[in-house]
Amino acid sequence: MKYSLFLPTGFGQDLVGIPDPAEAFETIVAIAKAADDSGYHSLWAPDHFHTVPASQANFFEVWSTLTALARETTNVRLGPMVTGNDYRNPALQAKMASTVDVLSNGRLTFGIGGGWYEADYVGYGYEYPTTGERLRRLREACQVVLALWTEEEATFEGKHYQVNSAINQPKGVQTPHIPLLVAGSGEKVTLRIVAEFADQCNVIEAPEGIARKLDILRKHCEDVGRDYDSIWKTTTTHCIIRDTDAEARAAIPVWAPDNYPGDLAEYGLIGTLDTIRERIAAYEAVGVQELAISFEDPTRLDVIRELATAFTS
């Protein structure tokens, strides 16, 4: 099992106690460096424009943040969890990702999703299409991105996106290309896109739900002739460490049902270190290979290091 850190860049108002923006960003840098030094596998950051709920609190744009952190860290991998496809042209996204991969010396994972947060679309003037339309765009976008990463001159003629002899140099450091992660658990479309194009997936469910989704992914892989085991399986979870399980459960935030399906208290990393060890084992048993972890107070470097000491060494 690999352990990764979901960075507090402001989406959940996790920087509200640091009103000075320069200080807030330096806090993010300190967290990233602590994760880098503590043996975490990856740093993930959300791609949104408004906090949840909407507020005037500081919230940093994901690609600018990742670019800075690429030069502030040495070993830990970096990536958006996940970049919203509709926010940027996918050819531009491929170019941006290639640059960040070079700046990080080959540590980028390119996470992408169909988008869901309507407030971002409306507030920033983007069209907010139906779920089906967003997923059709995502499928084309994955093809555009992979073409820019693998072909000397990429040409793609889709309904939503077109590129014509597009040149992308440098393509990045990693070979055969930057890993592509597609997030989402939609059974008919999203997991099919994973099977067709992705190197990694991110499915947010309780372990039992993940097991069912991965069975569906396996079937899609069989249908398209893909090696199921070649796909890296990740999920996102929340961590609250306490001396007793009851204390940890009492600290679950009110917004948890909006971000995690079902009862997070029953499957998240919620409780004593022994309970958390059992929860990790449950994730691992159903095939999860990486946990992207958000913390109760993500600015607490001691808690970040405590989990690392207990589980990453």
Protein backbone atom coordinates (compact mmCIF):
# COMPACT_ATOMS: atom_id res chain seq x y z
CA MET A 1 0.00 0.00 0.00
CA LYS A 2 1.21 3.50 -0.86
CA TYR A 3 0.19 6.49 1.26
CA SER A 4 -0.37 9.88 -0.34
CA LEU A 5 -1.40 13.27 0.96
CA PHE A 6 -4.36 15.30 -0.24
CA LEU A 7 -3.04 18.85 0.03
CA PRO A 8 -5.02 21.64 1.69
CA THR A 9 -5.07 24.29 -1.03
CA GLY A 10 -8.26 25.93 0.25
CA PHE A 11 -11.10 23.98 -1.34
CA GLY A 12 -12.62 22.88 1.96
CA GLN A 13 -11.82 26.21 3.61
CA ASP A 14 -8.84 24.44 5.15
CA LEU A 15 -6.73 27.63 5.00
CA VAL A 16 -9.37 29.89 6.55
CA GLY A 17 -7.24 30.44 9.64
CA ILE A 18 -4.41 31.89 7.54
CA PRO A 19 -5.79 35.09 5.96
CA ASP A 20 -2.47 36.29 4.52
CA PRO A 21 -2.14 34.61 1.09
CA ALA A 22 1.66 34.52 1.10
CA GLU A 23 1.66 32.87 4.51
CA ALA A 24 -1.05 30.47 3.39
CA PHE A 25 0.99 29.33 0.41
CA GLU A 26 4.13 28.94 2.51
CA THR A 27 2.04 26.67 4.74
CA ILE A 28 1.26 24.50 1.71
CA VAL A 29 4.95 24.39 0.86
CA ALA A 30 5.80 23.32 4.42
CA ILE A 31 3.19 20.53 4.26
CA ALA A 32 4.56 19.35 0.90
CA LYS A 33 8.10 19.28 2.23
CA ALA A 34 7.02 17.39 5.34
CA ALA A 35 5.30 14.78 3.16
CA ASP A 36 8.37 14.61 0.91
CA ASP A 37 10.66 14.01 3.89
CA SER A 38 8.28 11.53 5.57
CA GLY A 39 8.05 9.03 2.73
CA TYR A 40 4.61 9.76 1.28
CA HIS A 41 4.12 8.49 -2.25
CA SER A 42 2.25 11.43 -3.82
CA LEU A 43 0.85 14.88 -3.21
CA TRP A 44 -2.60 15.46 -4.69
CA ALA A 45 -4.44 18.77 -5.04
CA PRO A 46 -8.01 19.57 -6.17
CA ASP A 47 -8.86 21.56 -9.29
CA HIS A 48 -11.66 23.97 -8.41
CA PHE A 49 -12.17 27.74 -8.33
CA HIS A 50 -14.57 28.21 -5.42
CA THR A 51 -14.32 26.89 -1.89
CA VAL A 52 -17.00 24.57 -0.47
CA PRO A 53 -19.19 26.23 0.59
CA ALA A 54 -18.39 29.35 -1.39
CA SER A 55 -16.44 31.91 0.63
CA GLN A 56 -13.77 34.59 0.40
CA ALA A 57 -11.13 32.30 1.95
CA ASN A 58 -7.83 31.75 0.15
CA PHE A 59 -7.89 29.00 -2.48
CA PHE A 60 -4.98 28.38 -4.88
CA GLU A 61 -5.20 27.27 -8.51
CA VAL A 62 -3.98 23.72 -8.92
CA TRP A 63 -1.54 23.86 -11.84
CA SER A 64 0.23 26.97 -10.53
CA THR A 65 0.53 25.24 -7.17
CA LEU A 66 1.88 22.00 -8.64
CA THR A 67 4.42 23.93 -10.70
CA ALA A 68 5.77 25.62 -7.58
CA LEU A 69 5.82 22.38 -5.58
CA ALA A 70 7.69 20.61 -8.38
CA ARG A 71 10.66 22.82 -7.49
CA GLU A 72 10.14 22.68 -3.72
CA THR A 73 10.16 18.87 -3.39
CA THR A 74 12.51 16.10 -4.43
CA ASN A 75 11.04 12.62 -4.15
CA VAL A 76 7.26 12.73 -3.73
CA ARG A 77 5.05 12.46 -6.80
CA LEU A 78 2.64 15.28 -7.70
CA GLY A 79 -0.70 15.48 -9.42
CA PRO A 80 -4.15 17.04 -9.64
CA MET A 81 -6.96 14.98 -8.10
CA VAL A 82 -8.24 15.75 -10.57
CA THR A 83 -7.95 18.39 -13.24
CA GLY A 84 -11.37 19.39 -14.56
CA ASN A 85 -11.48 18.59 -18.25
CA ASP A 86 -13.84 21.40 -19.18
CA TYR A 87 -11.70 24.11 -17.58
CA ARG A 88 -8.87 23.94 -20.14
CA ASN A 89 -8.41 22.71 -23.68
CA PRO A 90 -7.00 19.15 -23.45
CA ALA A 91 -4.13 19.88 -25.84
CA LEU A 92 -3.11 22.76 -23.58
CA GLN A 93 -3.47 20.45 -20.59
CA ALA A 94 -1.14 17.94 -22.22
CA LYS A 95 1.43 20.68 -22.81
CA MET A 96 1.15 21.97 -19.24
CA ALA A 97 1.55 18.47 -17.85
CA SER A 98 4.61 17.82 -19.99
CA THR A 99 6.25 20.96 -18.64
CA VAL A 100 5.49 20.13 -15.01
CA ASP A 101 6.83 16.61 -15.54
CA VAL A 102 10.14 18.09 -16.66
CA LEU A 103 10.19 20.60 -13.79
CA SER A 104 9.65 17.76 -11.31
CA ASN A 105 12.15 15.47 -13.03
CA GLY A 106 9.48 12.93 -13.90
CA ARG A 107 7.24 12.98 -10.82
CA LEU A 108 3.88 14.03 -12.28
CA THR A 109 0.76 11.90 -12.42
CA PHE A 110 -1.88 13.49 -14.63
CA GLY A 111 -5.29 13.05 -13.01
CA ILE A 112 -8.34 14.07 -15.02
CA GLY A 113 -12.10 13.88 -14.57
CA GLY A 114 -15.31 14.95 -16.22
CA GLY A 115 -16.03 17.78 -13.74
CA TRP A 116 -18.96 18.10 -11.36
CA TYR A 117 -18.91 21.34 -9.34
CA GLU A 118 -21.52 23.52 -11.04
CA ALA A 119 -20.55 26.63 -9.05
CA ASP A 120 -17.15 26.63 -10.77
CA TYR A 121 -18.68 26.45 -14.22
CA VAL A 122 -21.31 29.12 -13.62
CA GLY A 123 -19.06 31.45 -11.66
CA TYR A 124 -16.23 31.40 -14.21
CA GLY A 125 -18.43 31.50 -17.27
CA TYR A 126 -18.11 27.93 -18.52
CA GLU A 127 -20.97 26.03 -20.09
CA TYR A 128 -22.22 23.35 -17.67
CA PRO A 129 -23.28 20.43 -19.88
CA THR A 130 -25.07 17.27 -18.85
CA THR A 131 -23.19 14.45 -17.16
CA GLY A 132 -23.29 12.42 -20.35
CA GLU A 133 -21.90 15.28 -22.39
CA ARG A 134 -19.10 15.90 -19.89
CA LEU A 135 -18.10 12.25 -20.07
CA ARG A 136 -18.14 12.22 -23.86
CA ARG A 137 -15.80 15.20 -23.77
CA LEU A 138 -13.60 13.42 -21.24
CA ARG A 139 -13.26 10.39 -23.49
CA GLU A 140 -12.09 12.55 -26.39
CA ALA A 141 -9.81 14.55 -24.11
CA CYS A 142 -7.96 11.43 -22.98
CA GLN A 143 -7.24 10.60 -26.61
CA VAL A 144 -5.99 14.12 -27.31
CA VAL A 145 -3.71 14.12 -24.26
CA LEU A 146 -2.22 10.72 -25.09
CA ALA A 147 -1.66 11.75 -28.70
CA LEU A 148 0.24 14.88 -27.61
CA TRP A 149 2.39 12.73 -25.31
CA THR A 150 3.19 9.94 -27.78
CA GLU A 151 3.13 11.30 -31.34
CA GLU A 152 5.56 13.67 -33.04
CA GLU A 153 2.65 15.46 -34.66
CA ALA A 154 -0.75 14.76 -33.14
CA THR A 155 -3.93 14.92 -35.18
CA PHE A 156 -7.36 14.19 -33.74
CA GLU A 157 -10.77 14.94 -35.20
CA GLY A 158 -13.52 14.56 -32.63
CA LYS A 159 -16.91 16.09 -32.07
CA HIS A 160 -15.65 18.26 -29.22
CA TYR A 161 -11.89 18.57 -29.78
CA GLN A 162 -9.65 18.81 -32.79
CA VAL A 163 -5.88 19.07 -33.08
CA ASN A 164 -4.01 19.32 -36.35
CA SER A 165 -0.35 18.25 -36.56
CA ALA A 166 0.14 19.54 -33.00
CA ILE A 167 3.74 19.44 -31.78
CA ASN A 168 4.45 19.02 -28.08
CA GLN A 169 8.09 19.19 -27.05
CA PRO A 170 9.31 18.29 -24.53
CA LYS A 171 6.77 15.57 -23.89
CA GLY A 172 7.98 15.07 -20.34
CA VAL A 173 10.55 12.89 -18.62
CA GLN A 174 8.66 9.66 -17.96
CA THR A 175 8.43 6.86 -20.49
CA PRO A 176 6.46 5.70 -22.34
CA HIS A 177 4.54 8.78 -21.13
CA ILE A 178 3.24 10.57 -18.03
CA PRO A 179 0.83 8.28 -16.13
CA LEU A 180 -2.81 9.12 -16.88
CA LEU A 181 -5.28 8.75 -14.00
CA VAL A 182 -9.02 8.93 -14.66
CA ALA A 183 -11.19 9.53 -11.59
CA GLY A 184 -14.78 8.48 -11.09
CA SER A 185 -16.86 5.40 -10.44
CA GLY A 186 -19.51 5.55 -13.16
CA GLU A 187 -20.00 1.94 -14.14
CA LYS A 188 -20.99 2.20 -17.80
CA VAL A 189 -18.89 5.11 -19.04
CA THR A 190 -16.18 6.31 -16.64
CA LEU A 191 -14.79 2.88 -15.79
CA ARG A 192 -14.90 2.02 -19.48
CA ILE A 193 -12.76 5.12 -20.19
CA VAL A 194 -10.33 3.90 -17.53
CA ALA A 195 -10.09 0.51 -19.22
CA GLU A 196 -9.53 2.07 -22.62
CA PHE A 197 -7.05 4.83 -21.82
CA ALA A 198 -5.93 5.18 -18.21
CA ASP A 199 -2.89 3.95 -16.33
CA GLN A 200 -4.56 4.61 -12.97
CA CYS A 201 -8.03 5.04 -11.51
CA ASN A 202 -9.50 6.73 -8.44
CA VAL A 203 -12.73 5.35 -7.01
CA ILE A 204 -14.13 6.86 -3.81
CA GLU A 205 -16.23 4.26 -2.00
CA ALA A 206 -16.19 2.09 1.09
CA PRO A 207 -14.04 -1.02 0.52
CA GLU A 208 -17.10 -3.14 -0.33
CA GLY A 209 -18.16 -0.60 -2.93
CA ILE A 210 -14.66 -0.40 -4.35
CA ALA A 211 -14.59 -4.16 -4.74
CA ARG A 212 -17.77 -4.05 -6.81
CA LYS A 213 -16.52 -1.20 -8.96
CA LEU A 214 -13.20 -2.94 -9.59
CA ASP A 215 -15.07 -6.09 -10.67
CA ILE A 216 -16.85 -3.92 -13.24
CA LEU A 217 -13.53 -2.40 -14.31
CA ARG A 218 -12.12 -5.89 -14.74
CA LYS A 219 -15.00 -6.75 -17.08
CA HIS A 220 -14.40 -3.60 -19.13
CA CYS A 221 -10.74 -4.53 -19.39
CA GLU A 222 -11.69 -7.95 -20.71
CA ASP A 223 -13.99 -6.35 -23.26
CA VAL A 224 -11.31 -4.01 -24.63
CA GLY A 225 -8.40 -6.45 -24.35
CA ARG A 226 -6.68 -4.62 -21.51
CA ASP A 227 -4.58 -6.13 -18.73
CA TYR A 228 -6.56 -5.30 -15.60
CA ASP A 229 -3.48 -5.65 -13.41
CA SER A 230 -1.70 -2.92 -15.38
CA ILE A 231 -4.05 -0.29 -13.91
CA TRP A 232 -2.98 1.27 -10.58
CA LYS A 233 -5.95 1.45 -8.20
CA THR A 234 -6.33 4.43 -5.85
CA THR A 235 -8.98 5.83 -3.55
CA THR A 236 -9.38 8.95 -1.42
CA THR A 237 -10.12 8.77 2.29
CA HIS A 238 -10.14 10.91 5.43
CA CYS A 239 -8.01 10.49 8.55
CA ILE A 240 -8.83 11.42 12.15
CA ILE A 241 -6.49 9.97 14.79
CA ARG A 242 -7.63 9.86 18.42
CA ASP A 243 -6.94 7.90 21.58
CA THR A 244 -10.35 6.21 21.22
CA ASP A 245 -12.58 5.37 18.26
CA ALA A 246 -15.48 7.24 19.85
CA GLU A 247 -13.46 10.46 20.05
CA ALA A 248 -12.48 10.14 16.40
CA ARG A 249 -16.03 9.48 15.26
CA ALA A 250 -17.25 12.53 17.15
CA ALA A 251 -14.79 14.67 15.17
CA ILE A 252 -16.05 13.68 11.70
CA PRO A 253 -16.86 16.94 9.88
CA VAL A 254 -20.42 17.81 8.90
CA TRP A 255 -19.42 17.98 5.24
CA ALA A 256 -18.28 14.33 5.13
CA PRO A 257 -21.51 13.00 3.51
CA ASP A 258 -21.03 15.43 0.62
CA ASN A 259 -17.58 14.03 -0.14
CA TYR A 260 -17.70 10.37 0.88
CA PRO A 261 -20.52 7.92 0.17
CA GLY A 262 -22.13 5.99 2.98
CA ASP A 263 -20.99 6.21 6.59
CA LEU A 264 -17.38 7.43 6.63
CA ALA A 265 -17.12 6.45 10.30
CA GLU A 266 -17.43 2.81 9.29
CA TYR A 267 -14.62 2.70 6.72
CA GLY A 268 -12.47 5.87 6.80
CA LEU A 269 -9.19 6.12 8.67
CA ILE A 270 -11.16 7.16 11.74
CA GLY A 271 -10.07 6.06 15.21
CA THR A 272 -7.02 4.81 17.03
CA LEU A 273 -3.92 3.73 15.13
CA ASP A 274 -4.99 0.11 15.60
CA THR A 275 -8.40 0.83 14.07
CA ILE A 276 -6.76 2.72 11.23
CA ARG A 277 -4.49 -0.26 10.62
CA GLU A 278 -7.60 -2.45 10.25
CA ARG A 279 -9.21 0.03 7.86
CA ILE A 280 -6.09 0.12 5.71
CA ALA A 281 -6.08 -3.68 5.58
CA ALA A 282 -9.71 -3.61 4.40
CA TYR A 283 -8.83 -1.26 1.55
CA GLU A 284 -5.84 -3.36 0.60
CA ALA A 285 -7.87 -6.58 0.65
CA VAL A 286 -10.15 -5.33 -2.14
CA GLY A 287 -7.28 -4.26 -4.38
CA VAL A 288 -6.56 -0.63 -3.46
CA GLN A 289 -2.88 0.17 -3.99
CA GLU A 290 -2.76 3.83 -2.97
CA LEU A 291 -4.65 5.89 -0.40
CA ALA A 292 -4.92 9.65 -1.01
CA ILE A 293 -5.46 10.89 2.53
CA SER A 294 -6.97 14.14 3.75
CA PHE A 295 -6.49 15.04 7.39
CA GLU A 296 -8.78 16.55 10.01
CA ASP A 297 -6.39 19.50 10.34
CA PRO A 298 -4.21 19.26 7.23
CA THR A 299 -1.83 21.93 8.51
CA ARG A 300 -0.76 19.77 11.50
CA LEU A 301 2.68 18.55 10.43
CA ASP A 302 2.99 16.39 13.54
CA VAL A 303 -0.11 14.37 12.59
CA ILE A 304 1.10 13.98 9.01
CA ARG A 305 4.40 12.67 10.32
CA GLU A 306 2.67 10.44 12.90
CA LEU A 307 0.79 8.54 10.21
CA ALA A 308 3.96 8.26 8.14
CA THR A 309 5.91 6.89 11.08
CA ALA A 310 3.21 4.33 11.78
CA PHE A 311 2.60 3.11 8.25
CA THR A 312 5.09 4.25 5.57
CA SER A 313 8.37 3.10 7.11
